[in-house]
Amino acid sequence: MAHLPGRRAELGPLRRAALLAILAGLSVASPAASQVAGPIEGRVSINLQLSMADLADQWVPQASGALLFDAAPWIQVGGVGSVGLDHPEVRGASELRVRFGYGGVRVAVRPAAERLPGLSLTMIAAAGNVDVQEPTIGSTLDSENGGVVEPGVTWVRPLGAHLGLLASASWRFAFEFENLVGVSSSELGGPALGVGLVLGPF
């Protein structure tokens, strides 16, 4: 990986962000789930989602996956990972492209579990990586790691015993991406709208 003169080497990009995030989430979620007594113990679901997210002032497709445990009827905890499927050009510097991904822990709270079981308020706390690439030769000019916080809301409509359709809206806040060439933390944040499938609970 090539870096600009005078810059220290950054950690490698999170190209396996989804897998690493799920494993991290499991380490956090498993103790919480195992302490819950009763029929909800061990209930797990998988969320697969495709979103359109604002990145560098452009709407780009983003794929996400989450492995979640029902810690109680009104709360889920687990791991989540997201990665951009397109690498937009940085506005004002068309020779640079941005590659962004992040993964971490997701918590979902059902504020009205009995009346509106499909409604959840969500919060993601994650670590992310952004690469700035030169598209002609495909080399990475710069790479930076930082944090992501993403509150949101989801609605799940059951389609069967272990299948559901979900819709989501969220807003991503990025920080600590300050020493990066061509892009700032503010350009990595913004709204996202998504649809997907829920597999489970099993």
Protein backbone atom coordinates (compact mmCIF):
# COMPACT_ATOMS: atom_id res chain seq x y z
CA MET A 1 0.00 0.00 0.00
CA ALA A 2 1.39 3.36 -1.01
CA HIS A 3 1.15 6.26 1.41
CA LEU A 4 1.78 9.94 0.96
CA PRO A 5 5.18 11.18 2.13
CA GLY A 6 5.34 11.90 5.82
CA ARG A 7 2.28 9.85 6.74
CA ARG A 8 2.47 6.90 9.07
CA ALA A 9 1.12 3.59 7.86
CA GLU A 10 -2.49 2.93 8.80
CA LEU A 11 -4.08 -0.35 9.71
CA GLY A 12 -5.23 -2.49 6.79
CA PRO A 13 -8.69 -1.87 5.31
CA LEU A 14 -11.70 -3.67 6.78
CA ARG A 15 -12.44 -5.72 3.68
CA ARG A 16 -13.87 -8.45 5.87
CA ALA A 17 -15.79 -5.99 8.06
CA ALA A 18 -19.01 -7.98 8.11
CA LEU A 19 -17.37 -11.22 9.29
CA LEU A 20 -15.20 -9.50 11.89
CA ALA A 21 -18.16 -7.50 13.17
CA ILE A 22 -20.34 -10.57 13.56
CA LEU A 23 -17.60 -12.35 15.51
CA ALA A 24 -17.15 -9.29 17.72
CA GLY A 25 -20.88 -9.05 18.25
CA LEU A 26 -21.07 -12.71 19.21
CA SER A 27 -18.49 -12.18 21.96
CA VAL A 28 -20.62 -9.36 23.38
CA ALA A 29 -24.04 -10.86 22.78
CA SER A 30 -23.50 -14.46 23.81
CA PRO A 31 -23.10 -13.82 27.56
CA ALA A 32 -26.18 -11.60 27.56
CA ALA A 33 -28.28 -14.14 25.70
CA SER A 34 -27.10 -17.08 27.78
CA GLN A 35 -28.23 -15.40 31.01
CA VAL A 36 -31.83 -15.11 29.83
CA ALA A 37 -34.05 -17.86 31.17
CA GLY A 38 -37.20 -19.14 29.51
CA PRO A 39 -38.33 -19.85 25.97
CA ILE A 40 -36.47 -16.92 24.34
CA GLU A 41 -33.05 -18.30 25.31
CA GLY A 42 -30.87 -18.94 22.30
CA ARG A 43 -33.21 -17.27 19.78
CA VAL A 44 -31.13 -15.93 16.93
CA SER A 45 -31.94 -14.18 13.68
CA ILE A 46 -30.02 -13.01 10.63
CA ASN A 47 -30.64 -9.69 8.88
CA LEU A 48 -29.55 -9.22 5.27
CA GLN A 49 -30.05 -5.74 3.86
CA LEU A 50 -29.37 -3.61 0.80
CA SER A 51 -29.38 0.16 1.35
CA MET A 52 -28.84 3.39 -0.50
CA ALA A 53 -26.52 5.49 1.65
CA ASP A 54 -25.14 9.00 1.37
CA LEU A 55 -21.37 8.80 0.95
CA ALA A 56 -19.20 11.74 -0.13
CA ASP A 57 -22.40 13.62 -1.13
CA GLN A 58 -23.53 10.80 -3.42
CA TRP A 59 -26.05 7.98 -3.03
CA VAL A 60 -24.30 4.62 -3.25
CA PRO A 61 -25.50 1.02 -2.70
CA GLN A 62 -24.45 -0.59 0.56
CA ALA A 63 -24.73 -4.22 1.70
CA SER A 64 -25.18 -5.11 5.37
CA GLY A 65 -25.44 -8.27 7.41
CA ALA A 66 -26.25 -8.78 11.08
CA LEU A 67 -26.40 -11.73 13.47
CA LEU A 68 -28.71 -10.91 16.38
CA PHE A 69 -29.77 -12.53 19.67
CA ASP A 70 -33.04 -11.95 21.51
CA ALA A 71 -31.73 -11.02 24.95
CA ALA A 72 -35.33 -10.25 26.03
CA PRO A 73 -38.67 -9.86 24.23
CA TRP A 74 -37.94 -6.15 23.83
CA ILE A 75 -34.21 -6.10 23.02
CA GLN A 76 -31.78 -7.66 20.55
CA VAL A 77 -27.98 -7.50 20.60
CA GLY A 78 -25.44 -8.75 18.09
CA GLY A 79 -22.89 -7.95 15.42
CA VAL A 80 -23.28 -6.07 12.15
CA GLY A 81 -21.09 -5.24 9.17
CA SER A 82 -21.63 -2.91 6.21
CA VAL A 83 -19.63 -2.24 3.07
CA GLY A 84 -20.18 0.09 0.14
CA LEU A 85 -20.79 -1.69 -3.17
CA ASP A 86 -19.71 1.33 -5.19
CA HIS A 87 -16.72 3.64 -4.76
CA PRO A 88 -17.81 7.22 -5.48
CA GLU A 89 -15.49 9.92 -6.74
CA VAL A 90 -14.60 12.64 -4.27
CA ARG A 91 -16.29 15.87 -5.29
CA GLY A 92 -13.75 18.41 -6.52
CA ALA A 93 -11.07 15.74 -6.95
CA SER A 94 -12.38 13.44 -9.65
CA GLU A 95 -9.15 11.42 -9.78
CA LEU A 96 -9.85 9.95 -6.32
CA ARG A 97 -12.37 7.29 -5.28
CA VAL A 98 -13.61 6.45 -1.79
CA ARG A 99 -13.96 2.89 -0.47
CA PHE A 100 -15.72 2.64 2.91
CA GLY A 101 -16.76 -0.17 5.25
CA TYR A 102 -17.45 -0.62 8.95
CA GLY A 103 -18.46 -3.24 11.49
CA GLY A 104 -19.37 -3.40 15.14
CA VAL A 105 -22.15 -4.01 17.65
CA ARG A 106 -25.86 -3.45 17.01
CA VAL A 107 -28.54 -3.02 19.68
CA ALA A 108 -32.25 -2.96 18.81
CA VAL A 109 -35.01 -2.00 21.25
CA ARG A 110 -38.71 -2.68 20.64
CA PRO A 111 -40.45 0.24 22.39
CA ALA A 112 -43.90 -1.36 22.03
CA ALA A 113 -43.11 -5.07 21.88
CA GLU A 114 -46.72 -6.21 22.42
CA ARG A 115 -48.60 -3.67 20.31
CA LEU A 116 -46.02 -3.12 17.53
CA PRO A 117 -43.63 -6.09 17.59
CA GLY A 118 -42.21 -5.23 14.17
CA LEU A 119 -40.97 -1.76 15.20
CA SER A 120 -37.41 -1.39 16.53
CA LEU A 121 -35.16 1.52 17.41
CA THR A 122 -31.58 0.61 16.57
CA MET A 123 -28.09 1.80 17.41
CA ILE A 124 -24.83 0.71 15.81
CA ALA A 125 -21.42 1.44 17.35
CA ALA A 126 -18.68 0.41 14.96
CA ALA A 127 -15.11 0.78 13.76
CA GLY A 128 -14.64 1.76 10.13
CA ASN A 129 -11.99 2.07 7.47
CA VAL A 130 -11.87 4.30 4.41
CA ASP A 131 -9.45 3.98 1.50
CA VAL A 132 -8.75 6.76 -0.97
CA GLN A 133 -7.87 5.14 -4.29
CA GLU A 134 -6.43 6.32 -7.57
CA PRO A 135 -8.81 4.65 -10.07
CA THR A 136 -6.54 4.52 -13.13
CA ILE A 137 -4.06 2.05 -11.66
CA GLY A 138 -6.17 0.95 -8.69
CA SER A 139 -3.60 1.87 -6.04
CA THR A 140 -4.53 3.01 -2.54
CA LEU A 141 -3.12 6.46 -1.88
CA ASP A 142 -4.30 6.79 1.71
CA SER A 143 -6.15 4.83 4.37
CA GLU A 144 -7.63 5.87 7.71
CA ASN A 145 -9.52 4.21 10.54
CA GLY A 146 -12.19 5.83 12.69
CA GLY A 147 -15.49 5.39 14.46
CA VAL A 148 -19.11 5.16 13.34
CA VAL A 149 -22.32 5.67 15.33
CA GLU A 150 -25.56 4.99 13.47
CA PRO A 151 -29.00 5.39 15.08
CA GLY A 152 -31.99 4.21 13.10
CA VAL A 153 -35.43 2.63 12.97
CA THR A 154 -36.55 -0.65 11.39
CA TRP A 155 -39.90 -2.25 10.63
CA VAL A 156 -40.26 -6.01 10.08
CA ARG A 157 -43.30 -7.62 8.44
CA PRO A 158 -43.48 -11.40 8.96
CA LEU A 159 -43.80 -13.49 5.79
CA GLY A 160 -43.67 -16.88 7.49
CA ALA A 161 -42.55 -18.67 10.63
CA HIS A 162 -38.86 -17.88 10.05
CA LEU A 163 -38.92 -15.21 7.35
CA GLY A 164 -39.67 -11.49 7.38
CA LEU A 165 -39.37 -8.44 5.19
CA LEU A 166 -37.66 -5.40 6.73
CA ALA A 167 -37.40 -1.72 5.92
CA SER A 168 -35.02 0.67 7.64
CA ALA A 169 -33.96 4.29 7.88
CA SER A 170 -30.83 5.50 9.66
CA TRP A 171 -28.31 8.30 9.93
CA ARG A 172 -24.59 7.57 10.10
CA PHE A 173 -22.17 9.75 12.08
CA ALA A 174 -18.46 9.24 11.35
CA PHE A 175 -15.55 10.64 13.36
CA GLU A 176 -11.76 10.47 13.69
CA PHE A 177 -11.24 10.31 9.90
CA GLU A 178 -9.55 13.70 10.04
CA ASN A 179 -6.10 13.09 8.53
CA LEU A 180 -7.29 11.64 5.25
CA VAL A 181 -6.51 13.06 1.82
CA GLY A 182 -9.53 14.14 -0.22
CA VAL A 183 -12.35 13.28 2.23
CA SER A 184 -13.43 14.27 5.75
CA SER A 185 -15.50 12.63 8.47
CA SER A 186 -18.52 14.76 7.57
CA GLU A 187 -18.54 13.34 4.03
CA LEU A 188 -18.66 9.79 5.40
CA GLY A 189 -21.84 10.43 7.38
CA GLY A 190 -25.41 10.86 6.25
CA PRO A 191 -28.77 9.14 5.79
CA ALA A 192 -29.47 5.63 4.53
CA LEU A 193 -32.66 3.85 3.45
CA GLY A 194 -32.76 0.08 3.17
CA VAL A 195 -34.80 -3.05 2.55
CA GLY A 196 -33.96 -6.63 3.30
CA LEU A 197 -34.84 -9.99 4.77
CA VAL A 198 -34.95 -11.36 8.30
CA LEU A 199 -34.17 -15.06 8.68
CA GLY A 200 -35.33 -16.47 11.99
CA PRO A 201 -35.64 -16.44 14.88
CA PHE A 202 -34.23 -19.97 15.16
